[in-house]
């Protein structure tokens, strides 16, 4: 019994045929290419929830740290401003 050659994995978010029933493609992506690259549109797609959640949390923590750093820098500048004025008064 001859085995049929495997069809190359292809995902296109603009392909209506895939959109009609995306589950088989998504299942293959999770199994074969959790990080899928589409050459036609030059994008990557994550296909596993855990990977998306981990990246989201990583990005969220990076964003939070950037905001905190910015706020601390502003606060420090304000403290320095008032420290100079108060120090000059004495």
PDB file of N, CA and C in Angstrom:
ATOM      1  N   UNK A   1       0.834  -1.179   0.000  1.00  0.00           N
ATOM      2  CA  UNK A   1       0.000   0.000   0.000  1.00  0.00           C
ATOM      3  C   UNK A   1       0.880   1.244   0.000  1.00  0.00           C
ATOM      4  N   UNK A   2       0.701   2.088  -0.975  1.00  0.00           N
ATOM      5  CA  UNK A   2       1.498   3.309  -1.093  1.00  0.00           C
ATOM      6  C   UNK A   2       0.883   4.412  -0.234  1.00  0.00           C
ATOM      7  N   UNK A   3       1.761   5.171   0.384  1.00  0.00           N
ATOM      8  CA  UNK A   3       1.260   6.289   1.178  1.00  0.00           C
ATOM      9  C   UNK A   3       1.249   7.538   0.309  1.00  0.00           C
ATOM     10  N   UNK A   4       0.263   8.350   0.500  1.00  0.00           N
ATOM     11  CA  UNK A   4       0.185   9.583  -0.279  1.00  0.00           C
ATOM     12  C   UNK A   4       1.129  10.607   0.329  1.00  0.00           C
ATOM     13  N   UNK A   5       1.765  11.423  -0.507  1.00  0.00           N
ATOM     14  CA  UNK A   5       2.677  12.434   0.034  1.00  0.00           C
ATOM     15  C   UNK A   5       1.894  13.470   0.848  1.00  0.00           C
ATOM     16  N   UNK A   6       2.520  13.944   1.890  1.00  0.00           N
ATOM     17  CA  UNK A   6       1.896  14.919   2.773  1.00  0.00           C
ATOM     18  C   UNK A   6       1.787  16.256   2.044  1.00  0.00           C
ATOM     19  N   UNK A   7       0.638  16.882   2.133  1.00  0.00           N
ATOM     20  CA  UNK A   7       0.439  18.205   1.546  1.00  0.00           C
ATOM     21  C   UNK A   7       1.140  19.221   2.428  1.00  0.00           C
ATOM     22  N   UNK A   8       1.861  20.134   1.802  1.00  0.00           N
ATOM     23  CA  UNK A   8       2.594  21.141   2.559  1.00  0.00           C
ATOM     24  C   UNK A   8       1.616  22.008   3.361  1.00  0.00           C
ATOM     25  N   UNK A   9       1.996  22.292   4.581  1.00  0.00           N
ATOM     26  CA  UNK A   9       1.168  23.113   5.460  1.00  0.00           C
ATOM     27  C   UNK A   9       1.154  24.539   4.933  1.00  0.00           C
ATOM     28  N   UNK A  10      -0.038  25.081   4.782  1.00  0.00           N
ATOM     29  CA  UNK A  10      -0.184  26.463   4.334  1.00  0.00           C
ATOM     30  C   UNK A  10      -1.340  27.104   5.076  1.00  0.00           C
ATOM     31  N   UNK A  11      -1.084  28.258   5.658  1.00  0.00           N
ATOM     32  CA  UNK A  11      -2.136  29.016   6.315  1.00  0.00           C
ATOM     33  C   UNK A  11      -2.146  30.431   5.751  1.00  0.00           C
ATOM     34  N   UNK A  12      -3.323  30.863   5.333  1.00  0.00           N
ATOM     35  CA  UNK A  12      -3.513  32.196   4.794  1.00  0.00           C
ATOM     36  C   UNK A  12      -4.765  32.777   5.446  1.00  0.00           C
ATOM     37  N   UNK A  13      -4.630  33.801   6.265  1.00  0.00           N
ATOM     38  CA  UNK A  13      -5.800  34.347   6.952  1.00  0.00           C
ATOM     39  C   UNK A  13      -6.811  34.992   6.007  1.00  0.00           C
ATOM     40  N   UNK A  14      -6.422  35.192   4.752  1.00  0.00           N
ATOM     41  CA  UNK A  14      -7.312  35.812   3.773  1.00  0.00           C
ATOM     42  C   UNK A  14      -7.954  34.792   2.833  1.00  0.00           C
ATOM     43  N   UNK A  15      -7.642  33.514   3.022  1.00  0.00           N
ATOM     44  CA  UNK A  15      -8.173  32.450   2.168  1.00  0.00           C
ATOM     45  C   UNK A  15      -9.546  32.024   2.689  1.00  0.00           C
ATOM     46  N   UNK A  16     -10.582  32.304   1.906  1.00  0.00           N
ATOM     47  CA  UNK A  16     -11.948  31.991   2.341  1.00  0.00           C
ATOM     48  C   UNK A  16     -12.179  30.490   2.474  1.00  0.00           C
ATOM     49  N   UNK A  17     -11.508  29.679   1.683  1.00  0.00           N
ATOM     50  CA  UNK A  17     -11.655  28.226   1.793  1.00  0.00           C
ATOM     51  C   UNK A  17     -11.146  27.738   3.147  1.00  0.00           C
ATOM     52  N   UNK A  18     -10.054  28.297   3.604  1.00  0.00           N
ATOM     53  CA  UNK A  18      -9.540  27.944   4.935  1.00  0.00           C
ATOM     54  C   UNK A  18     -10.493  28.462   6.002  1.00  0.00           C
ATOM     55  N   UNK A  19     -10.985  29.668   5.828  1.00  0.00           N
ATOM     56  CA  UNK A  19     -11.902  30.256   6.812  1.00  0.00           C
ATOM     57  C   UNK A  19     -13.191  29.462   6.965  1.00  0.00           C
ATOM     58  N   UNK A  20     -13.624  28.805   5.896  1.00  0.00           N
ATOM     59  CA  UNK A  20     -14.853  28.009   5.968  1.00  0.00           C
ATOM     60  C   UNK A  20     -14.730  26.873   6.978  1.00  0.00           C
ATOM     61  N   UNK A  21     -13.535  26.284   7.075  1.00  0.00           N
ATOM     62  CA  UNK A  21     -13.282  25.211   8.035  1.00  0.00           C
ATOM     63  C   UNK A  21     -11.807  25.268   8.456  1.00  0.00           C
ATOM     64  N   UNK A  22     -11.457  26.183   9.361  1.00  0.00           N
ATOM     65  CA  UNK A  22     -10.048  26.379   9.708  1.00  0.00           C
ATOM     66  C   UNK A  22      -9.467  25.331  10.648  1.00  0.00           C
ATOM     67  N   UNK A  23     -10.317  24.536  11.275  1.00  0.00           N
ATOM     68  CA  UNK A  23      -9.845  23.639  12.336  1.00  0.00           C
ATOM     69  C   UNK A  23      -8.811  22.608  11.885  1.00  0.00           C
ATOM     70  N   UNK A  24      -8.947  21.986  10.726  1.00  0.00           N
ATOM     71  CA  UNK A  24      -7.896  21.048  10.297  1.00  0.00           C
ATOM     72  C   UNK A  24      -6.539  21.737  10.100  1.00  0.00           C
ATOM     73  N   UNK A  25      -6.550  22.942   9.546  1.00  0.00           N
ATOM     74  CA  UNK A  25      -5.290  23.669   9.339  1.00  0.00           C
ATOM     75  C   UNK A  25      -4.697  24.066  10.689  1.00  0.00           C
ATOM     76  N   UNK A  26      -5.546  24.572  11.581  1.00  0.00           N
ATOM     77  CA  UNK A  26      -5.050  24.961  12.902  1.00  0.00           C
ATOM     78  C   UNK A  26      -4.494  23.758  13.661  1.00  0.00           C
ATOM     79  N   UNK A  27      -5.126  22.613  13.526  1.00  0.00           N
ATOM     80  CA  UNK A  27      -4.644  21.399  14.191  1.00  0.00           C
ATOM     81  C   UNK A  27      -3.258  21.022  13.668  1.00  0.00           C
ATOM     82  N   UNK A  28      -3.093  21.079  12.352  1.00  0.00           N
ATOM     83  CA  UNK A  28      -1.779  20.774  11.764  1.00  0.00           C
ATOM     84  C   UNK A  28      -0.738  21.800  12.205  1.00  0.00           C
ATOM     85  N   UNK A  29      -1.136  23.060  12.271  1.00  0.00           N
ATOM     86  CA  UNK A  29      -0.183  24.086  12.704  1.00  0.00           C
ATOM     87  C   UNK A  29       0.292  23.808  14.124  1.00  0.00           C
ATOM     88  N   UNK A  30      -0.640  23.466  15.006  1.00  0.00           N
ATOM     89  CA  UNK A  30      -0.246  23.170  16.394  1.00  0.00           C
ATOM     90  C   UNK A  30       0.711  21.984  16.449  1.00  0.00           C
ATOM     91  N   UNK A  31       0.474  20.981  15.614  1.00  0.00           N
ATOM     92  CA  UNK A  31       1.297  19.762  15.629  1.00  0.00           C
ATOM     93  C   UNK A  31       2.620  19.941  14.887  1.00  0.00           C
ATOM     94  N   UNK A  32       2.589  20.621  13.746  1.00  0.00           N
ATOM     95  CA  UNK A  32       3.763  20.660  12.868  1.00  0.00           C
ATOM     96  C   UNK A  32       4.540  21.972  12.898  1.00  0.00           C
ATOM     97  N   UNK A  33       3.851  23.060  13.163  1.00  0.00           N
ATOM     98  CA  UNK A  33       4.510  24.368  13.101  1.00  0.00           C
ATOM     99  C   UNK A  33       3.893  25.317  14.120  1.00  0.00           C
ATOM    100  N   UNK A  34       4.192  25.117  15.403  1.00  0.00           N
ATOM    101  CA  UNK A  34       3.617  26.002  16.423  1.00  0.00           C
ATOM    102  C   UNK A  34       3.937  27.476  16.167  1.00  0.00           C
ATOM    103  N   UNK A  35       5.095  27.728  15.578  1.00  0.00           N
ATOM    104  CA  UNK A  35       5.446  29.066  15.124  1.00  0.00           C
ATOM    105  C   UNK A  35       5.500  28.996  13.604  1.00  0.00           C
ATOM    106  N   UNK A  36       4.425  29.410  12.974  1.00  0.00           N
ATOM    107  CA  UNK A  36       4.284  29.276  11.525  1.00  0.00           C
ATOM    108  C   UNK A  36       4.689  30.577  10.847  1.00  0.00           C
ATOM    109  N   UNK A  37       5.428  30.460   9.731  1.00  0.00           N
ATOM    110  CA  UNK A  37       5.808  31.639   8.942  1.00  0.00           C
ATOM    111  C   UNK A  37       5.136  31.582   7.588  1.00  0.00           C
ATOM    112  N   UNK A  38       4.446  32.646   7.221  1.00  0.00           N
ATOM    113  CA  UNK A  38       3.804  32.760   5.917  1.00  0.00           C
ATOM    114  C   UNK A  38       4.686  33.646   5.046  1.00  0.00           C
ATOM    115  N   UNK A  39       5.297  33.048   4.024  1.00  0.00           N
ATOM    116  CA  UNK A  39       6.206  33.792   3.157  1.00  0.00           C
ATOM    117  C   UNK A  39       5.470  34.807   2.286  1.00  0.00           C
ATOM    118  N   UNK A  40       4.275  34.458   1.843  1.00  0.00           N
ATOM    119  CA  UNK A  40       3.526  35.346   0.943  1.00  0.00           C
ATOM    120  C   UNK A  40       3.260  36.701   1.595  1.00  0.00           C
ATOM    121  N   UNK A  41       2.841  36.696   2.850  1.00  0.00           N
ATOM    122  CA  UNK A  41       2.502  37.936   3.548  1.00  0.00           C
ATOM    123  C   UNK A  41       3.546  38.358   4.584  1.00  0.00           C
ATOM    124  N   UNK A  42       4.598  37.557   4.718  1.00  0.00           N
ATOM    125  CA  UNK A  42       5.709  37.878   5.606  1.00  0.00           C
ATOM    126  C   UNK A  42       5.249  38.103   7.054  1.00  0.00           C
ATOM    127  N   UNK A  43       4.586  37.092   7.630  1.00  0.00           N
ATOM    128  CA  UNK A  43       4.164  37.180   9.025  1.00  0.00           C
ATOM    129  C   UNK A  43       4.350  35.841   9.714  1.00  0.00           C
ATOM    130  N   UNK A  44       4.458  35.894  11.034  1.00  0.00           N
ATOM    131  CA  UNK A  44       4.500  34.699  11.864  1.00  0.00           C
ATOM    132  C   UNK A  44       3.161  34.556  12.573  1.00  0.00           C
ATOM    133  N   UNK A  45       2.781  33.305  12.830  1.00  0.00           N
ATOM    134  CA  UNK A  45       1.557  33.035  13.579  1.00  0.00           C
ATOM    135  C   UNK A  45       1.861  31.992  14.649  1.00  0.00           C
ATOM    136  N   UNK A  46       1.458  32.275  15.869  1.00  0.00           N
ATOM    137  CA  UNK A  46       1.542  31.290  16.945  1.00  0.00           C
ATOM    138  C   UNK A  46       0.242  30.506  16.943  1.00  0.00           C
ATOM    139  N   UNK A  47       0.333  29.188  17.081  1.00  0.00           N
ATOM    140  CA  UNK A  47      -0.875  28.373  16.981  1.00  0.00           C
ATOM    141  C   UNK A  47      -1.267  27.696  18.290  1.00  0.00           C
ATOM    142  N   UNK A  48      -0.450  27.821  19.313  1.00  0.00           N
ATOM    143  CA  UNK A  48      -0.764  27.203  20.606  1.00  0.00           C
ATOM    144  C   UNK A  48      -1.129  28.274  21.627  1.00  0.00           C
ATOM    145  N   UNK A  49      -2.182  28.016  22.365  1.00  0.00           N
ATOM    146  CA  UNK A  49      -2.657  28.974  23.366  1.00  0.00           C
ATOM    147  C   UNK A  49      -1.555  29.306  24.371  1.00  0.00           C
ATOM    148  N   UNK A  50      -0.847  28.290  24.842  1.00  0.00           N
ATOM    149  CA  UNK A  50       0.182  28.502  25.864  1.00  0.00           C
ATOM    150  C   UNK A  50       1.254  29.466  25.366  1.00  0.00           C
ATOM    151  N   UNK A  51       1.631  29.334  24.092  1.00  0.00           N
ATOM    152  CA  UNK A  51       2.651  30.215  23.525  1.00  0.00           C
ATOM    153  C   UNK A  51       2.139  31.647  23.431  1.00  0.00           C
ATOM    154  N   UNK A  52       0.900  31.799  23.009  1.00  0.00           N
ATOM    155  CA  UNK A  52       0.302  33.134  22.909  1.00  0.00           C
ATOM    156  C   UNK A  52       0.203  33.764  24.297  1.00  0.00           C
ATOM    157  N   UNK A  53      -0.253  32.995  25.272  1.00  0.00           N
ATOM    158  CA  UNK A  53      -0.403  33.512  26.635  1.00  0.00           C
ATOM    159  C   UNK A  53       0.955  33.904  27.212  1.00  0.00           C
ATOM    160  N   UNK A  54       1.976  33.081  26.986  1.00  0.00           N
ATOM    161  CA  UNK A  54       3.318  33.379  27.511  1.00  0.00           C
ATOM    162  C   UNK A  54       3.868  34.657  26.863  1.00  0.00           C
ATOM    163  N   UNK A  55       3.698  34.784  25.558  1.00  0.00           N
ATOM    164  CA  UNK A  55       4.176  35.976  24.867  1.00  0.00           C
ATOM    165  C   UNK A  55       3.411  37.202  25.338  1.00  0.00           C
ATOM    166  N   UNK A  56       2.111  37.056  25.507  1.00  0.00           N
ATOM    167  CA  UNK A  56       1.283  38.171  25.970  1.00  0.00           C
ATOM    168  C   UNK A  56       1.751  38.638  27.345  1.00  0.00           C
ATOM    169  N   UNK A  57       1.986  37.705  28.241  1.00  0.00           N
ATOM    170  CA  UNK A  57       2.432  38.070  29.588  1.00  0.00           C
ATOM    171  C   UNK A  57       3.826  38.691  29.542  1.00  0.00           C
ATOM    172  N   UNK A  58       4.681  38.172  28.685  1.00  0.00           N
ATOM    173  CA  UNK A  58       6.028  38.720  28.542  1.00  0.00           C
ATOM    174  C   UNK A  58       5.953  40.160  28.048  1.00  0.00           C
ATOM    175  N   UNK A  59       5.134  40.371  27.034  1.00  0.00           N
ATOM    176  CA  UNK A  59       4.966  41.719  26.493  1.00  0.00           C
ATOM    177  C   UNK A  59       4.310  42.637  27.517  1.00  0.00           C
ATOM    178  N   UNK A  60       3.341  42.096  28.245  1.00  0.00           N
ATOM    179  CA  UNK A  60       2.654  42.890  29.261  1.00  0.00           C
ATOM    180  C   UNK A  60       3.628  43.294  30.356  1.00  0.00           C
ATOM    181  N   UNK A  61       4.476  42.362  30.793  1.00  0.00           N
ATOM    182  CA  UNK A  61       5.431  42.707  31.846  1.00  0.00           C
ATOM    183  C   UNK A  61       6.465  43.701  31.326  1.00  0.00           C
ATOM    184  N   UNK A  62       6.893  43.568  30.057  1.00  0.00           N
ATOM    185  CA  UNK A  62       7.811  44.545  29.469  1.00  0.00           C
ATOM    186  C   UNK A  62       7.164  45.924  29.443  1.00  0.00           C
ATOM    187  N   UNK A  63       5.896  45.964  29.040  1.00  0.00           N
ATOM    188  CA  UNK A  63       5.167  47.226  28.982  1.00  0.00           C
ATOM    189  C   UNK A  63       5.039  47.834  30.377  1.00  0.00           C
ATOM    190  N   UNK A  64       4.670  47.012  31.351  1.00  0.00           N
ATOM    191  CA  UNK A  64       4.511  47.508  32.722  1.00  0.00           C
ATOM    192  C   UNK A  64       5.827  48.059  33.252  1.00  0.00           C
ATOM    193  N   UNK A  65       6.915  47.361  32.995  1.00  0.00           N
ATOM    194  CA  UNK A  65       8.213  47.836  33.468  1.00  0.00           C
ATOM    195  C   UNK A  65       8.589  49.151  32.803  1.00  0.00           C
ATOM    196  N   UNK A  66       8.249  49.313  31.537  1.00  0.00           N
ATOM    197  CA  UNK A  66       8.527  50.567  30.839  1.00  0.00           C
ATOM    198  C   UNK A  66       7.729  51.707  31.453  1.00  0.00           C
ATOM    199  N   UNK A  67       6.468  51.451  31.760  1.00  0.00           N
ATOM    200  CA  UNK A  67       5.618  52.479  32.375  1.00  0.00           C
ATOM    201  C   UNK A  67       6.148  52.833  33.759  1.00  0.00           C
ATOM    202  N   UNK A  68       6.471  51.825  34.558  1.00  0.00           N
ATOM    203  CA  UNK A  68       6.979  52.076  35.910  1.00  0.00           C
ATOM    204  C   UNK A  68       8.281  52.867  35.842  1.00  0.00           C
ATOM    205  N   UNK A  69       9.165  52.484  34.949  1.00  0.00           N
ATOM    206  CA  UNK A  69      10.438  53.195  34.812  1.00  0.00           C
ATOM    207  C   UNK A  69      10.195  54.653  34.437  1.00  0.00           C
ATOM    208  N   UNK A  70       9.291  54.878  33.506  1.00  0.00           N
ATOM    209  CA  UNK A  70       8.971  56.241  33.089  1.00  0.00           C
ATOM    210  C   UNK A  70       8.405  57.058  34.255  1.00  0.00           C
ATOM    211  N   UNK A  71       7.496  56.454  35.006  1.00  0.00           N
ATOM    212  CA  UNK A  71       6.914  57.151  36.161  1.00  0.00           C
ATOM    213  C   UNK A  71       7.970  57.458  37.220  1.00  0.00           C
ATOM    214  N   UNK A  72       8.855  56.503  37.467  1.00  0.00           N
ATOM    215  CA  UNK A  72       9.913  56.728  38.459  1.00  0.00           C
ATOM    216  C   UNK A  72      10.860  57.843  38.012  1.00  0.00           C
ATOM    217  N   UNK A  73      11.176  57.881  36.729  1.00  0.00           N
ATOM    218  CA  UNK A  73      12.044  58.945  36.219  1.00  0.00           C
ATOM    219  C   UNK A  73      11.376  60.306  36.377  1.00  0.00           C
ATOM    220  N   UNK A  74      10.068  60.372  36.092  1.00  0.00           N
ATOM    221  CA  UNK A  74       9.344  61.633  36.259  1.00  0.00           C
ATOM    222  C   UNK A  74       9.300  62.038  37.727  1.00  0.00           C
ATOM    223  N   UNK A  75       9.047  61.064  38.597  1.00  0.00           N
ATOM    224  CA  UNK A  75       8.995  61.337  40.033  1.00  0.00           C
ATOM    225  C   UNK A  75      10.352  61.826  40.534  1.00  0.00           C
ATOM    226  N   UNK A  76      11.432  61.161  40.096  1.00  0.00           N
ATOM    227  CA  UNK A  76      12.768  61.558  40.528  1.00  0.00           C
ATOM    228  C   UNK A  76      13.089  62.974  40.053  1.00  0.00           C
ATOM    229  N   UNK A  77      12.697  63.313  38.839  1.00  0.00           N
ATOM    230  CA  UNK A  77      12.935  64.666  38.329  1.00  0.00           C
ATOM    231  C   UNK A  77      12.181  65.684  39.177  1.00  0.00           C
ATOM    232  N   UNK A  78      10.958  65.371  39.563  1.00  0.00           N
ATOM    233  CA  UNK A  78      10.165  66.266  40.411  1.00  0.00           C
ATOM    234  C   UNK A  78      10.805  66.420  41.788  1.00  0.00           C
ATOM    235  N   UNK A  79      11.280  65.331  42.364  1.00  0.00           N
ATOM    236  CA  UNK A  79      11.941  65.372  43.675  1.00  0.00           C
ATOM    237  C   UNK A  79      13.194  66.236  43.602  1.00  0.00           C
ATOM    238  N   UNK A  80      13.986  66.032  42.547  1.00  0.00           N
ATOM    239  CA  UNK A  80      15.212  66.821  42.380  1.00  0.00           C
ATOM    240  C   UNK A  80      14.890  68.299  42.233  1.00  0.00           C
ATOM    241  N   UNK A  81      13.850  68.613  41.492  1.00  0.00           N
ATOM    242  CA  UNK A  81      13.432  70.004  41.306  1.00  0.00           C
ATOM    243  C   UNK A  81      13.131  70.650  42.663  1.00  0.00           C
ATOM    244  N   UNK A  82      12.302  70.010  43.456  1.00  0.00           N
ATOM    245  CA  UNK A  82      11.912  70.573  44.756  1.00  0.00           C
ATOM    246  C   UNK A  82      13.065  70.538  45.763  1.00  0.00           C
ATOM    247  N   UNK A  83      13.897  69.523  45.681  1.00  0.00           N
ATOM    248  CA  UNK A  83      15.048  69.444  46.578  1.00  0.00           C
ATOM    249  C   UNK A  83      15.979  70.636  46.383  1.00  0.00           C
ATOM    250  N   UNK A  84      16.204  71.005  45.115  1.00  0.00           N
ATOM    251  CA  UNK A  84      17.065  72.165  44.840  1.00  0.00           C
ATOM    252  C   UNK A  84      16.457  73.459  45.403  1.00  0.00           C
ATOM    253  N   UNK A  85      15.139  73.609  45.223  1.00  0.00           N
ATOM    254  CA  UNK A  85      14.478  74.819  45.726  1.00  0.00           C
ATOM    255  C   UNK A  85      14.484  74.874  47.247  1.00  0.00           C
ATOM    256  N   UNK A  86      14.199  73.765  47.890  1.00  0.00           N
ATOM    257  CA  UNK A  86      14.175  73.736  49.340  1.00  0.00           C
ATOM    258  C   UNK A  86      15.593  73.912  49.888  1.00  0.00           C
ATOM    259  N   UNK A  87      16.553  73.256  49.271  1.00  0.00           N
ATOM    260  CA  UNK A  87      17.942  73.364  49.722  1.00  0.00           C
ATOM    261  C   UNK A  87      18.441  74.807  49.580  1.00  0.00           C
ATOM    262  N   UNK A  88      18.065  75.462  48.518  1.00  0.00           N
ATOM    263  CA  UNK A  88      18.490  76.851  48.303  1.00  0.00           C
ATOM    264  C   UNK A  88      17.876  77.794  49.332  1.00  0.00           C
ATOM    265  N   UNK A  89      16.710  77.454  49.838  1.00  0.00           N
ATOM    266  CA  UNK A  89      16.040  78.318  50.821  1.00  0.00           C
ATOM    267  C   UNK A  89      16.698  78.263  52.192  1.00  0.00           C
ATOM    268  N   UNK A  90      17.447  77.199  52.438  1.00  0.00           N
ATOM    269  CA  UNK A  90      18.073  77.084  53.752  1.00  0.00           C
ATOM    270  C   UNK A  90      19.517  77.394  53.620  1.00  0.00           C
TER     271      UNK A  90
END
